[in-house]
Amino acid sequence: STIDPETSLEVGRAVVASHPTNPPRFFDAPVSGGTRGAEKGILTFMVGIAEDDPQFPLLQQIFSYMGTSIHPIGGQSLGLAAKLSNNYLSGMIALATSEAMNLGMRLGIDPKVLSDCFKTSSGGSWVNSTVNPVPGVCPDAVTSKGYEGGFKVQLMKKDISLAVQAAQGVGARLVLADAGLKAYASAAEDPTCRDRDSRVIYRWQALR
């Protein structure tokens, strides 16, 4: 599960201190892609290492058995920084997609037609194309299977909370964070949403 960058730094320092005469290296390498990406071996790795680090080719080789996109983000803890940034973005896009789909549907648009329109328009996204929050739009996605499996809504709430804490620590303003965090926190406590994929935010937002 995703943790905060500062914890990664603390663990790294502890690892180095454990063998002062021959200090080992520690790298954070969170992933994106979910269970589907893991099953297909197409995960994205965000590695806390510089591209010119002599250890990167070895890590790249190891991670290539599990993923197809391996990004050297920079120094230690920056892999987690990228992961938190990504999950914050993904969560907000899912919530915005849910709202936009609900708006269009209430105005009379068929959900599949609306999603297809988004795909070739400025509102398009991976969320819309692959795991559209509205059941039936993406038949093979968890969103069309009762939101069972996938990335639990509680984990999205946790990761957005960690992103907010990290942003506060560096003075980064997150305009959408308050409303988004409240939405996911409420969905995480809703018995019809809890323990389901985070795109269940559509159920919480549109069907209340």
N, C-alpha and C. Protein backbone atom coordinates (compact mmCIF):
# COMPACT_ATOMS: atom_id res chain seq x y z
N SER A 1 0.84 -1.19 0.00
CA SER A 1 0.00 0.00 0.00
C SER A 1 0.88 1.25 0.00
N THR A 2 0.41 2.31 -0.61
CA THR A 2 1.17 3.55 -0.72
C THR A 2 1.39 4.17 0.64
N ILE A 3 2.59 4.67 0.87
CA ILE A 3 2.92 5.37 2.11
C ILE A 3 3.42 6.76 1.75
N ASP A 4 3.72 7.57 2.77
CA ASP A 4 4.18 8.93 2.51
C ASP A 4 5.68 8.94 2.22
N PRO A 5 6.16 9.93 1.47
CA PRO A 5 7.59 9.99 1.11
C PRO A 5 8.52 10.06 2.32
N GLU A 6 8.09 10.73 3.38
CA GLU A 6 8.95 10.87 4.55
C GLU A 6 9.24 9.52 5.19
N THR A 7 8.26 8.63 5.22
CA THR A 7 8.47 7.29 5.76
C THR A 7 9.51 6.54 4.94
N SER A 8 9.47 6.72 3.63
CA SER A 8 10.47 6.09 2.76
C SER A 8 11.87 6.57 3.11
N LEU A 9 12.00 7.86 3.35
CA LEU A 9 13.31 8.41 3.72
C LEU A 9 13.78 7.84 5.06
N GLU A 10 12.85 7.70 6.01
CA GLU A 10 13.21 7.15 7.32
C GLU A 10 13.66 5.70 7.19
N VAL A 11 12.95 4.92 6.39
CA VAL A 11 13.33 3.52 6.18
C VAL A 11 14.69 3.45 5.51
N GLY A 12 14.91 4.30 4.52
CA GLY A 12 16.20 4.32 3.83
C GLY A 12 17.35 4.61 4.77
N ARG A 13 17.14 5.57 5.66
CA ARG A 13 18.19 5.90 6.64
C ARG A 13 18.45 4.73 7.58
N ALA A 14 17.37 4.04 7.98
CA ALA A 14 17.52 2.89 8.87
C ALA A 14 18.25 1.75 8.18
N VAL A 15 17.97 1.54 6.90
CA VAL A 15 18.65 0.49 6.14
C VAL A 15 20.14 0.77 6.05
N VAL A 16 20.49 2.01 5.75
CA VAL A 16 21.90 2.39 5.66
C VAL A 16 22.59 2.24 7.01
N ALA A 17 21.91 2.66 8.07
CA ALA A 17 22.50 2.60 9.40
C ALA A 17 22.70 1.17 9.89
N SER A 18 21.94 0.24 9.34
CA SER A 18 22.03 -1.15 9.79
C SER A 18 23.33 -1.82 9.36
N HIS A 19 23.98 -1.29 8.33
CA HIS A 19 25.25 -1.84 7.85
C HIS A 19 26.21 -0.68 7.53
N PRO A 20 26.69 -0.01 8.57
CA PRO A 20 27.51 1.20 8.36
C PRO A 20 28.81 0.96 7.59
N THR A 21 29.38 -0.22 7.70
CA THR A 21 30.65 -0.46 7.01
C THR A 21 30.47 -0.72 5.52
N ASN A 22 29.32 -1.25 5.16
CA ASN A 22 29.02 -1.51 3.74
C ASN A 22 27.54 -1.21 3.50
N PRO A 23 27.17 0.07 3.53
CA PRO A 23 25.76 0.45 3.49
C PRO A 23 25.04 0.01 2.21
N PRO A 24 23.90 -0.64 2.37
CA PRO A 24 23.12 -1.06 1.20
C PRO A 24 22.33 0.12 0.62
N ARG A 25 21.75 -0.09 -0.54
CA ARG A 25 20.91 0.92 -1.18
C ARG A 25 19.44 0.57 -0.95
N PHE A 26 18.62 1.59 -0.85
CA PHE A 26 17.18 1.39 -0.68
C PHE A 26 16.45 2.24 -1.72
N PHE A 27 15.50 1.63 -2.43
CA PHE A 27 14.76 2.35 -3.47
C PHE A 27 13.26 2.15 -3.28
N ASP A 28 12.52 3.22 -3.32
CA ASP A 28 11.07 3.11 -3.33
C ASP A 28 10.62 2.92 -4.77
N ALA A 29 9.67 2.02 -4.99
CA ALA A 29 9.23 1.72 -6.36
C ALA A 29 7.74 1.37 -6.39
N PRO A 30 6.88 2.33 -6.06
CA PRO A 30 5.44 2.05 -6.13
C PRO A 30 4.99 1.81 -7.57
N VAL A 31 3.82 1.20 -7.71
CA VAL A 31 3.33 0.84 -9.04
C VAL A 31 1.95 1.42 -9.30
N SER A 32 1.58 1.45 -10.56
CA SER A 32 0.23 1.80 -10.99
C SER A 32 -0.19 0.79 -12.05
N GLY A 33 -1.47 0.52 -12.08
CA GLY A 33 -1.98 -0.45 -13.06
C GLY A 33 -2.99 -1.41 -12.48
N GLY A 34 -3.04 -1.49 -11.15
CA GLY A 34 -4.05 -2.32 -10.50
C GLY A 34 -3.87 -3.81 -10.74
N THR A 35 -4.89 -4.56 -10.34
CA THR A 35 -4.83 -6.01 -10.48
C THR A 35 -4.75 -6.43 -11.95
N ARG A 36 -5.43 -5.68 -12.81
CA ARG A 36 -5.40 -6.01 -14.24
C ARG A 36 -3.99 -5.86 -14.79
N GLY A 37 -3.31 -4.78 -14.40
CA GLY A 37 -1.95 -4.56 -14.86
C GLY A 37 -0.99 -5.61 -14.32
N ALA A 38 -1.23 -6.03 -13.08
CA ALA A 38 -0.38 -7.06 -12.48
C ALA A 38 -0.56 -8.40 -13.18
N GLU A 39 -1.81 -8.75 -13.46
CA GLU A 39 -2.09 -10.03 -14.12
C GLU A 39 -1.50 -10.09 -15.53
N LYS A 40 -1.52 -8.96 -16.22
CA LYS A 40 -1.03 -8.92 -17.60
C LYS A 40 0.45 -8.54 -17.69
N GLY A 41 1.07 -8.22 -16.55
CA GLY A 41 2.47 -7.83 -16.56
C GLY A 41 2.73 -6.50 -17.23
N ILE A 42 1.78 -5.57 -17.08
CA ILE A 42 1.92 -4.26 -17.74
C ILE A 42 1.88 -3.12 -16.72
N LEU A 43 2.37 -3.38 -15.52
CA LEU A 43 2.40 -2.35 -14.49
C LEU A 43 3.32 -1.19 -14.88
N THR A 44 3.04 -0.04 -14.29
CA THR A 44 3.95 1.10 -14.37
C THR A 44 4.69 1.21 -13.05
N PHE A 45 6.02 1.30 -13.11
CA PHE A 45 6.84 1.46 -11.91
C PHE A 45 7.35 2.89 -11.83
N MET A 46 7.24 3.49 -10.65
CA MET A 46 7.75 4.83 -10.39
C MET A 46 8.89 4.67 -9.38
N VAL A 47 10.10 4.73 -9.87
CA VAL A 47 11.25 4.35 -9.06
C VAL A 47 11.99 5.57 -8.53
N GLY A 48 12.23 5.56 -7.22
CA GLY A 48 12.97 6.66 -6.60
C GLY A 48 14.46 6.53 -6.84
N ILE A 49 14.85 6.76 -8.08
CA ILE A 49 16.26 6.65 -8.48
C ILE A 49 16.49 7.56 -9.68
N ALA A 50 17.70 8.08 -9.79
CA ALA A 50 18.04 8.91 -10.94
C ALA A 50 18.31 8.03 -12.16
N GLU A 51 18.00 8.56 -13.34
CA GLU A 51 18.17 7.77 -14.56
C GLU A 51 19.62 7.38 -14.79
N ASP A 52 20.55 8.23 -14.35
CA ASP A 52 21.97 7.94 -14.58
C ASP A 52 22.61 7.17 -13.42
N ASP A 53 21.80 6.73 -12.45
CA ASP A 53 22.33 5.93 -11.34
C ASP A 53 22.78 4.58 -11.89
N PRO A 54 23.98 4.10 -11.53
CA PRO A 54 24.47 2.82 -12.06
C PRO A 54 23.60 1.61 -11.68
N GLN A 55 22.76 1.77 -10.66
CA GLN A 55 21.88 0.66 -10.26
C GLN A 55 20.59 0.60 -11.07
N PHE A 56 20.29 1.66 -11.82
CA PHE A 56 19.01 1.69 -12.52
C PHE A 56 18.85 0.59 -13.56
N PRO A 57 19.87 0.27 -14.37
CA PRO A 57 19.69 -0.82 -15.34
C PRO A 57 19.29 -2.14 -14.70
N LEU A 58 19.85 -2.45 -13.52
CA LEU A 58 19.49 -3.68 -12.83
C LEU A 58 18.04 -3.64 -12.38
N LEU A 59 17.64 -2.52 -11.78
CA LEU A 59 16.25 -2.39 -11.35
C LEU A 59 15.30 -2.46 -12.54
N GLN A 60 15.70 -1.83 -13.62
CA GLN A 60 14.89 -1.85 -14.84
C GLN A 60 14.68 -3.28 -15.34
N GLN A 61 15.74 -4.07 -15.28
CA GLN A 61 15.65 -5.47 -15.71
C GLN A 61 14.70 -6.26 -14.81
N ILE A 62 14.82 -6.06 -13.51
CA ILE A 62 13.98 -6.78 -12.55
C ILE A 62 12.51 -6.41 -12.73
N PHE A 63 12.24 -5.11 -12.80
CA PHE A 63 10.86 -4.65 -12.88
C PHE A 63 10.21 -4.97 -14.22
N SER A 64 11.03 -5.19 -15.25
CA SER A 64 10.48 -5.48 -16.58
C SER A 64 9.75 -6.82 -16.62
N TYR A 65 10.00 -7.68 -15.63
CA TYR A 65 9.26 -8.94 -15.56
C TYR A 65 7.81 -8.71 -15.13
N MET A 66 7.55 -7.57 -14.53
CA MET A 66 6.21 -7.28 -14.01
C MET A 66 5.55 -6.09 -14.68
N GLY A 67 6.33 -5.27 -15.36
CA GLY A 67 5.76 -4.06 -15.95
C GLY A 67 6.39 -3.68 -17.26
N THR A 68 5.75 -2.75 -17.95
CA THR A 68 6.22 -2.30 -19.26
C THR A 68 6.67 -0.85 -19.25
N SER A 69 6.32 -0.11 -18.21
CA SER A 69 6.71 1.30 -18.10
C SER A 69 7.45 1.49 -16.79
N ILE A 70 8.74 1.78 -16.88
CA ILE A 70 9.58 1.91 -15.68
C ILE A 70 10.21 3.29 -15.71
N HIS A 71 9.77 4.14 -14.79
CA HIS A 71 10.18 5.54 -14.80
C HIS A 71 11.15 5.84 -13.66
N PRO A 72 12.38 6.27 -13.96
CA PRO A 72 13.27 6.76 -12.91
C PRO A 72 12.85 8.18 -12.56
N ILE A 73 12.34 8.37 -11.36
CA ILE A 73 11.74 9.66 -11.01
C ILE A 73 12.76 10.63 -10.43
N GLY A 74 13.83 10.12 -9.84
CA GLY A 74 14.82 10.98 -9.19
C GLY A 74 15.38 10.27 -7.99
N GLY A 75 15.61 10.98 -6.90
CA GLY A 75 16.18 10.38 -5.70
C GLY A 75 15.17 9.60 -4.89
N GLN A 76 15.66 9.03 -3.80
CA GLN A 76 14.82 8.24 -2.91
C GLN A 76 13.62 9.05 -2.42
N SER A 77 12.48 8.42 -2.36
CA SER A 77 11.18 8.94 -1.93
C SER A 77 10.41 9.62 -3.06
N LEU A 78 11.08 9.95 -4.17
CA LEU A 78 10.38 10.63 -5.25
C LEU A 78 9.48 9.69 -6.04
N GLY A 79 9.75 8.39 -5.98
CA GLY A 79 8.82 7.44 -6.57
C GLY A 79 7.47 7.53 -5.87
N LEU A 80 7.49 7.60 -4.54
CA LEU A 80 6.26 7.73 -3.78
C LEU A 80 5.61 9.09 -4.01
N ALA A 81 6.43 10.12 -4.19
CA ALA A 81 5.88 11.44 -4.49
C ALA A 81 5.11 11.40 -5.81
N ALA A 82 5.66 10.69 -6.79
CA ALA A 82 4.97 10.54 -8.08
C ALA A 82 3.69 9.72 -7.92
N LYS A 83 3.75 8.68 -7.11
CA LYS A 83 2.59 7.82 -6.89
C LYS A 83 1.45 8.61 -6.24
N LEU A 84 1.76 9.40 -5.23
CA LEU A 84 0.72 10.20 -4.58
C LEU A 84 0.14 11.22 -5.54
N SER A 85 1.00 11.84 -6.34
CA SER A 85 0.53 12.82 -7.32
C SER A 85 -0.39 12.14 -8.33
N ASN A 86 0.00 10.95 -8.77
CA ASN A 86 -0.80 10.20 -9.74
C ASN A 86 -2.15 9.81 -9.16
N ASN A 87 -2.16 9.30 -7.94
CA ASN A 87 -3.42 8.84 -7.36
C ASN A 87 -4.35 10.00 -7.03
N TYR A 88 -3.76 11.13 -6.64
CA TYR A 88 -4.58 12.33 -6.44
C TYR A 88 -5.27 12.70 -7.75
N LEU A 89 -4.49 12.73 -8.83
CA LEU A 89 -5.03 13.07 -10.15
C LEU A 89 -6.09 12.06 -10.58
N SER A 90 -5.79 10.77 -10.43
CA SER A 90 -6.73 9.72 -10.83
C SER A 90 -8.04 9.82 -10.07
N GLY A 91 -7.95 10.07 -8.76
CA GLY A 91 -9.15 10.18 -7.95
C GLY A 91 -10.01 11.35 -8.34
N MET A 92 -9.38 12.49 -8.62
CA MET A 92 -10.13 13.67 -9.01
C MET A 92 -10.75 13.50 -10.39
N ILE A 93 -10.03 12.85 -11.30
CA ILE A 93 -10.58 12.59 -12.64
C ILE A 93 -11.79 11.67 -12.54
N ALA A 94 -11.71 10.64 -11.70
CA ALA A 94 -12.84 9.72 -11.54
C ALA A 94 -14.06 10.44 -11.00
N LEU A 95 -13.85 11.32 -10.03
CA LEU A 95 -14.96 12.07 -9.46
C LEU A 95 -15.55 13.03 -10.49
N ALA A 96 -14.68 13.73 -11.22
CA ALA A 96 -15.15 14.66 -12.25
C ALA A 96 -15.87 13.92 -13.37
N THR A 97 -15.35 12.74 -13.75
CA THR A 97 -16.01 11.94 -14.78
C THR A 97 -17.39 11.49 -14.32
N SER A 98 -17.50 11.10 -13.05
CA SER A 98 -18.79 10.70 -12.50
C SER A 98 -19.79 11.85 -12.57
N GLU A 99 -19.33 13.04 -12.20
CA GLU A 99 -20.21 14.20 -12.23
C GLU A 99 -20.63 14.55 -13.65
N ALA A 100 -19.67 14.51 -14.58
CA ALA A 100 -19.96 14.86 -15.97
C ALA A 100 -20.91 13.84 -16.60
N MET A 101 -20.68 12.55 -16.32
CA MET A 101 -21.56 11.51 -16.84
C MET A 101 -22.98 11.69 -16.28
N ASN A 102 -23.07 11.94 -15.00
CA ASN A 102 -24.38 12.13 -14.37
C ASN A 102 -25.10 13.33 -14.97
N LEU A 103 -24.37 14.41 -15.20
CA LEU A 103 -24.96 15.61 -15.80
C LEU A 103 -25.51 15.30 -17.19
N GLY A 104 -24.67 14.72 -18.04
CA GLY A 104 -25.10 14.42 -19.40
C GLY A 104 -26.26 13.45 -19.46
N MET A 105 -26.23 12.43 -18.59
CA MET A 105 -27.30 11.44 -18.58
C MET A 105 -28.62 12.06 -18.13
N ARG A 106 -28.57 12.93 -17.14
CA ARG A 106 -29.80 13.58 -16.68
C ARG A 106 -30.34 14.56 -17.72
N LEU A 107 -29.45 15.03 -18.59
CA LEU A 107 -29.90 15.89 -19.68
C LEU A 107 -30.42 15.08 -20.87
N GLY A 108 -30.33 13.76 -20.78
CA GLY A 108 -30.93 12.91 -21.79
C GLY A 108 -29.98 12.15 -22.70
N ILE A 109 -28.66 12.19 -22.42
CA ILE A 109 -27.69 11.52 -23.29
C ILE A 109 -27.47 10.08 -22.84
N ASP A 110 -27.43 9.16 -23.79
CA ASP A 110 -27.08 7.77 -23.50
C ASP A 110 -25.65 7.72 -22.95
N PRO A 111 -25.40 7.00 -21.86
CA PRO A 111 -24.06 7.00 -21.25
C PRO A 111 -22.95 6.52 -22.17
N LYS A 112 -23.20 5.51 -22.98
CA LYS A 112 -22.18 5.02 -23.90
C LYS A 112 -21.87 6.07 -24.97
N VAL A 113 -22.89 6.72 -25.48
CA VAL A 113 -22.69 7.79 -26.48
C VAL A 113 -21.88 8.93 -25.87
N LEU A 114 -22.19 9.28 -24.63
CA LEU A 114 -21.48 10.37 -23.97
C LEU A 114 -20.02 10.01 -23.74
N SER A 115 -19.75 8.79 -23.28
CA SER A 115 -18.38 8.35 -23.06
C SER A 115 -17.59 8.34 -24.36
N ASP A 116 -18.20 7.85 -25.44
CA ASP A 116 -17.53 7.84 -26.74
C ASP A 116 -17.21 9.26 -27.20
N CYS A 117 -18.10 10.19 -26.92
CA CYS A 117 -17.85 11.59 -27.26
C CYS A 117 -16.66 12.13 -26.49
N PHE A 118 -16.58 11.80 -25.19
CA PHE A 118 -15.45 12.23 -24.37
C PHE A 118 -14.12 11.72 -24.93
N LYS A 119 -14.14 10.48 -25.43
CA LYS A 119 -12.90 9.84 -25.89
C LYS A 119 -12.19 10.65 -26.96
N THR A 120 -12.92 11.36 -27.80
CA THR A 120 -12.30 12.13 -28.87
C THR A 120 -12.40 13.63 -28.62
N SER A 121 -12.69 13.99 -27.37
CA SER A 121 -12.83 15.40 -27.00
C SER A 121 -11.87 15.74 -25.86
N SER A 122 -11.88 16.99 -25.48
CA SER A 122 -10.93 17.46 -24.45
C SER A 122 -11.19 16.85 -23.08
N GLY A 123 -12.37 16.28 -22.87
CA GLY A 123 -12.67 15.65 -21.59
C GLY A 123 -12.27 14.20 -21.50
N GLY A 124 -11.60 13.69 -22.52
CA GLY A 124 -11.20 12.29 -22.52
C GLY A 124 -10.14 11.98 -21.49
N SER A 125 -10.12 10.73 -21.02
CA SER A 125 -9.13 10.29 -20.02
C SER A 125 -9.06 8.78 -20.01
N TRP A 126 -8.02 8.26 -19.37
CA TRP A 126 -7.89 6.81 -19.18
C TRP A 126 -9.08 6.28 -18.38
N VAL A 127 -9.50 7.02 -17.37
CA VAL A 127 -10.63 6.59 -16.55
C VAL A 127 -11.87 6.44 -17.41
N ASN A 128 -12.17 7.43 -18.22
CA ASN A 128 -13.36 7.36 -19.07
C ASN A 128 -13.28 6.19 -20.05
N SER A 129 -12.12 5.99 -20.65
CA SER A 129 -11.99 4.98 -21.70
C SER A 129 -11.90 3.56 -21.18
N THR A 130 -11.33 3.39 -19.99
CA THR A 130 -11.02 2.04 -19.49
C THR A 130 -11.89 1.59 -18.33
N VAL A 131 -12.18 2.48 -17.41
CA VAL A 131 -12.98 2.13 -16.23
C VAL A 131 -14.03 3.20 -15.97
N ASN A 132 -14.77 3.55 -17.01
CA ASN A 132 -15.81 4.58 -16.82
C ASN A 132 -16.66 4.21 -15.61
N PRO A 133 -16.89 5.17 -14.70
CA PRO A 133 -17.59 4.85 -13.45
C PRO A 133 -19.02 4.37 -13.61
N VAL A 134 -19.65 4.66 -14.75
CA VAL A 134 -21.04 4.26 -14.95
C VAL A 134 -21.12 2.80 -15.38
N PRO A 135 -21.83 1.96 -14.64
CA PRO A 135 -21.95 0.54 -15.01
C PRO A 135 -22.47 0.36 -16.44
N GLY A 136 -21.84 -0.55 -17.18
CA GLY A 136 -22.27 -0.87 -18.52
C GLY A 136 -21.52 -0.16 -19.62
N VAL A 137 -20.88 0.95 -19.30
CA VAL A 137 -20.16 1.70 -20.33
C VAL A 137 -18.91 0.94 -20.76
N CYS A 138 -18.18 0.39 -19.80
CA CYS A 138 -17.00 -0.44 -20.08
C CYS A 138 -17.33 -1.85 -19.56
N PRO A 139 -17.88 -2.71 -20.40
CA PRO A 139 -18.42 -4.00 -19.96
C PRO A 139 -17.44 -4.90 -19.22
N ASP A 140 -16.16 -4.83 -19.55
CA ASP A 140 -15.18 -5.72 -18.93
C ASP A 140 -14.55 -5.14 -17.67
N ALA A 141 -14.90 -3.92 -17.33
CA ALA A 141 -14.29 -3.25 -16.17
C ALA A 141 -15.02 -3.60 -14.88
N VAL A 142 -14.33 -3.39 -13.76
CA VAL A 142 -14.95 -3.66 -12.45
C VAL A 142 -16.18 -2.79 -12.23
N THR A 143 -16.24 -1.66 -12.90
CA THR A 143 -17.38 -0.76 -12.75
C THR A 143 -18.66 -1.36 -13.31
N SER A 144 -18.52 -2.36 -14.16
CA SER A 144 -19.70 -3.06 -14.70
C SER A 144 -19.91 -4.41 -14.02
N LYS A 145 -19.16 -4.66 -12.96
CA LYS A 145 -19.26 -5.92 -12.23
C LYS A 145 -19.49 -5.67 -10.75
N GLY A 146 -20.36 -4.70 -10.49
CA GLY A 146 -20.69 -4.39 -9.10
C GLY A 146 -19.58 -3.68 -8.35
N TYR A 147 -18.61 -3.16 -9.07
CA TYR A 147 -17.44 -2.49 -8.48
C TYR A 147 -16.66 -3.44 -7.57
N GLU A 148 -16.78 -4.73 -7.82
CA GLU A 148 -16.06 -5.72 -7.02
C GLU A 148 -14.61 -5.82 -7.50
N GLY A 149 -13.68 -5.86 -6.54
CA GLY A 149 -12.26 -5.91 -6.87
C GLY A 149 -11.72 -4.52 -7.14
N GLY A 150 -10.59 -4.46 -7.81
CA GLY A 150 -10.00 -3.16 -8.14
C GLY A 150 -9.37 -2.47 -6.94
N PHE A 151 -9.27 -1.15 -7.03
CA PHE A 151 -8.62 -0.32 -6.02
C PHE A 151 -9.68 0.22 -5.07
N LYS A 152 -9.71 -0.29 -3.86
CA LYS A 152 -10.79 0.03 -2.93
C LYS A 152 -10.92 1.52 -2.65
N VAL A 153 -12.16 1.93 -2.44
CA VAL A 153 -12.44 3.35 -2.20
C VAL A 153 -11.74 3.83 -0.93
N GLN A 154 -11.57 2.95 0.07
CA GLN A 154 -10.86 3.36 1.28
C GLN A 154 -9.40 3.70 0.98
N LEU A 155 -8.80 2.96 0.04
CA LEU A 155 -7.41 3.22 -0.31
C LEU A 155 -7.28 4.54 -1.06
N MET A 156 -8.26 4.86 -1.90
CA MET A 156 -8.23 6.15 -2.59
C MET A 156 -8.34 7.29 -1.58
N LYS A 157 -9.23 7.11 -0.60
CA LYS A 157 -9.35 8.13 0.45
C LYS A 157 -8.03 8.30 1.19
N LYS A 158 -7.38 7.19 1.50
CA LYS A 158 -6.09 7.25 2.20
C LYS A 158 -5.04 7.97 1.36
N ASP A 159 -4.95 7.63 0.08
CA ASP A 159 -3.91 8.21 -0.77
C ASP A 159 -4.14 9.69 -1.01
N ILE A 160 -5.39 10.10 -1.17
CA ILE A 160 -5.67 11.53 -1.33
C ILE A 160 -5.31 12.26 -0.05
N SER A 161 -5.60 11.65 1.09
CA SER A 161 -5.24 12.25 2.37
C SER A 161 -3.73 12.41 2.49
N LEU A 162 -2.97 11.39 2.07
CA LEU A 162 -1.51 11.47 2.09
C LEU A 162 -1.01 12.55 1.14
N ALA A 163 -1.65 12.68 -0.02
CA ALA A 163 -1.26 13.72 -0.98
C ALA A 163 -1.51 15.10 -0.40
N VAL A 164 -2.62 15.26 0.29
CA VAL A 164 -2.94 16.55 0.92
C VAL A 164 -1.90 16.88 1.98
N GLN A 165 -1.52 15.90 2.80
CA GLN A 165 -0.51 16.12 3.83
C GLN A 165 0.83 16.50 3.20
N ALA A 166 1.20 15.80 2.13
CA ALA A 166 2.45 16.12 1.44
C ALA A 166 2.41 17.52 0.86
N ALA A 167 1.27 17.90 0.30
CA ALA A 167 1.13 19.23 -0.28
C ALA A 167 1.26 20.31 0.78
N GLN A 168 0.66 20.07 1.93
CA GLN A 168 0.76 21.03 3.03
C GLN A 168 2.20 21.20 3.48
N GLY A 169 2.96 20.10 3.43
CA GLY A 169 4.35 20.14 3.87
C GLY A 169 5.25 20.95 2.97
N VAL A 170 4.88 21.08 1.69
CA VAL A 170 5.73 21.83 0.75
C VAL A 170 5.05 23.09 0.24
N GLY A 171 3.88 23.41 0.79
CA GLY A 171 3.20 24.63 0.40
C GLY A 171 2.55 24.60 -0.97
N ALA A 172 2.14 23.40 -1.42
CA ALA A 172 1.47 23.27 -2.72
C ALA A 172 -0.04 23.41 -2.52
N ARG A 173 -0.66 24.31 -3.24
CA ARG A 173 -2.09 24.55 -3.10
C ARG A 173 -2.87 23.54 -3.94
N LEU A 174 -3.80 22.83 -3.30
CA LEU A 174 -4.65 21.85 -3.97
C LEU A 174 -6.10 22.33 -3.87
N VAL A 175 -6.58 22.98 -4.90
CA VAL A 175 -7.90 23.60 -4.87
C VAL A 175 -9.02 22.57 -4.75
N LEU A 176 -8.87 21.43 -5.41
CA LEU A 176 -9.92 20.42 -5.43
C LEU A 176 -9.88 19.47 -4.24
N ALA A 177 -8.82 19.53 -3.47
CA ALA A 177 -8.57 18.50 -2.46
C ALA A 177 -9.66 18.38 -1.41
N ASP A 178 -10.13 19.51 -0.89
CA ASP A 178 -11.08 19.45 0.21
C ASP A 178 -12.37 18.74 -0.19
N ALA A 179 -12.95 19.17 -1.32
CA ALA A 179 -14.20 18.54 -1.78
C ALA A 179 -13.98 17.09 -2.16
N GLY A 180 -12.86 16.80 -2.83
CA GLY A 180 -12.58 15.43 -3.24
C GLY A 180 -12.38 14.51 -2.07
N LEU A 181 -11.61 14.96 -1.07
CA LEU A 181 -11.35 14.13 0.09
C LEU A 181 -12.63 13.86 0.87
N LYS A 182 -13.47 14.87 1.01
CA LYS A 182 -14.74 14.68 1.71
C LYS A 182 -15.61 13.66 0.98
N ALA A 183 -15.61 13.72 -0.35
CA ALA A 183 -16.43 12.79 -1.14
C ALA A 183 -15.95 11.35 -0.94
N TYR A 184 -14.65 11.12 -1.06
CA TYR A 184 -14.14 9.76 -0.92
C TYR A 184 -14.24 9.26 0.52
N ALA A 185 -14.08 10.17 1.49
CA ALA A 185 -14.22 9.77 2.89
C ALA A 185 -15.66 9.33 3.18
N SER A 186 -16.62 10.07 2.63
CA SER A 186 -18.02 9.71 2.82
C SER A 186 -18.35 8.39 2.12
N ALA A 187 -17.85 8.22 0.90
CA ALA A 187 -18.09 6.97 0.17
C ALA A 187 -17.47 5.78 0.88
N ALA A 188 -16.31 5.99 1.50
CA ALA A 188 -15.62 4.91 2.20
C ALA A 188 -16.40 4.43 3.41
N GLU A 189 -17.27 5.29 3.96
CA GLU A 189 -18.08 4.92 5.11
C GLU A 189 -19.47 4.43 4.71
N ASP A 190 -19.84 4.63 3.45
CA ASP A 190 -21.16 4.23 2.96
C ASP A 190 -21.18 2.71 2.76
N PRO A 191 -22.09 1.99 3.40
CA PRO A 191 -22.10 0.52 3.28
C PRO A 191 -22.35 0.03 1.85
N THR A 192 -22.93 0.85 0.98
CA THR A 192 -23.14 0.43 -0.40
C THR A 192 -21.91 0.68 -1.27
N CYS A 193 -20.91 1.36 -0.70
CA CYS A 193 -19.69 1.69 -1.46
C CYS A 193 -18.43 1.10 -0.86
N ARG A 194 -18.40 0.97 0.45
CA ARG A 194 -17.20 0.51 1.14
C ARG A 194 -16.72 -0.85 0.62
N ASP A 195 -15.41 -1.01 0.54
CA ASP A 195 -14.75 -2.24 0.08
C ASP A 195 -14.93 -2.49 -1.42
N ARG A 196 -15.44 -1.50 -2.14
CA ARG A 196 -15.58 -1.64 -3.59
C ARG A 196 -14.58 -0.73 -4.30
N ASP A 197 -14.41 -0.97 -5.59
CA ASP A 197 -13.47 -0.17 -6.37
C ASP A 197 -13.78 1.31 -6.22
N SER A 198 -12.74 2.13 -6.22
CA SER A 198 -12.90 3.56 -5.94
C SER A 198 -13.80 4.29 -6.92
N ARG A 199 -13.98 3.73 -8.14
CA ARG A 199 -14.89 4.37 -9.08
C ARG A 199 -16.35 4.23 -8.67
N VAL A 200 -16.58 3.53 -7.55
CA VAL A 200 -17.91 3.48 -6.95
C VAL A 200 -18.33 4.87 -6.49
N ILE A 201 -17.41 5.81 -6.56
CA ILE A 201 -17.73 7.20 -6.24
C ILE A 201 -18.91 7.68 -7.09
N TYR A 202 -19.09 7.08 -8.28
CA TYR A 202 -20.26 7.42 -9.10
C TYR A 202 -21.55 7.04 -8.38
N ARG A 203 -21.58 5.85 -7.80
CA ARG A 203 -22.77 5.40 -7.06
C ARG A 203 -23.05 6.36 -5.91
N TRP A 204 -22.00 6.75 -5.20
CA TRP A 204 -22.16 7.66 -4.07
C TRP A 204 -22.63 9.03 -4.55
N GLN A 205 -22.06 9.51 -5.65
CA GLN A 205 -22.32 10.87 -6.12
C GLN A 205 -23.65 11.01 -6.85
N ALA A 206 -23.96 10.06 -7.73
CA ALA A 206 -25.10 10.22 -8.63
C ALA A 206 -26.38 9.55 -8.15
N LEU A 207 -26.26 8.53 -7.34
CA LEU A 207 -27.43 7.72 -7.00
C LEU A 207 -27.90 7.90 -5.57
N ARG A 208 -27.41 8.90 -4.90
CA ARG A 208 -27.81 9.14 -3.51
C ARG A 208 -29.24 9.66 -3.44
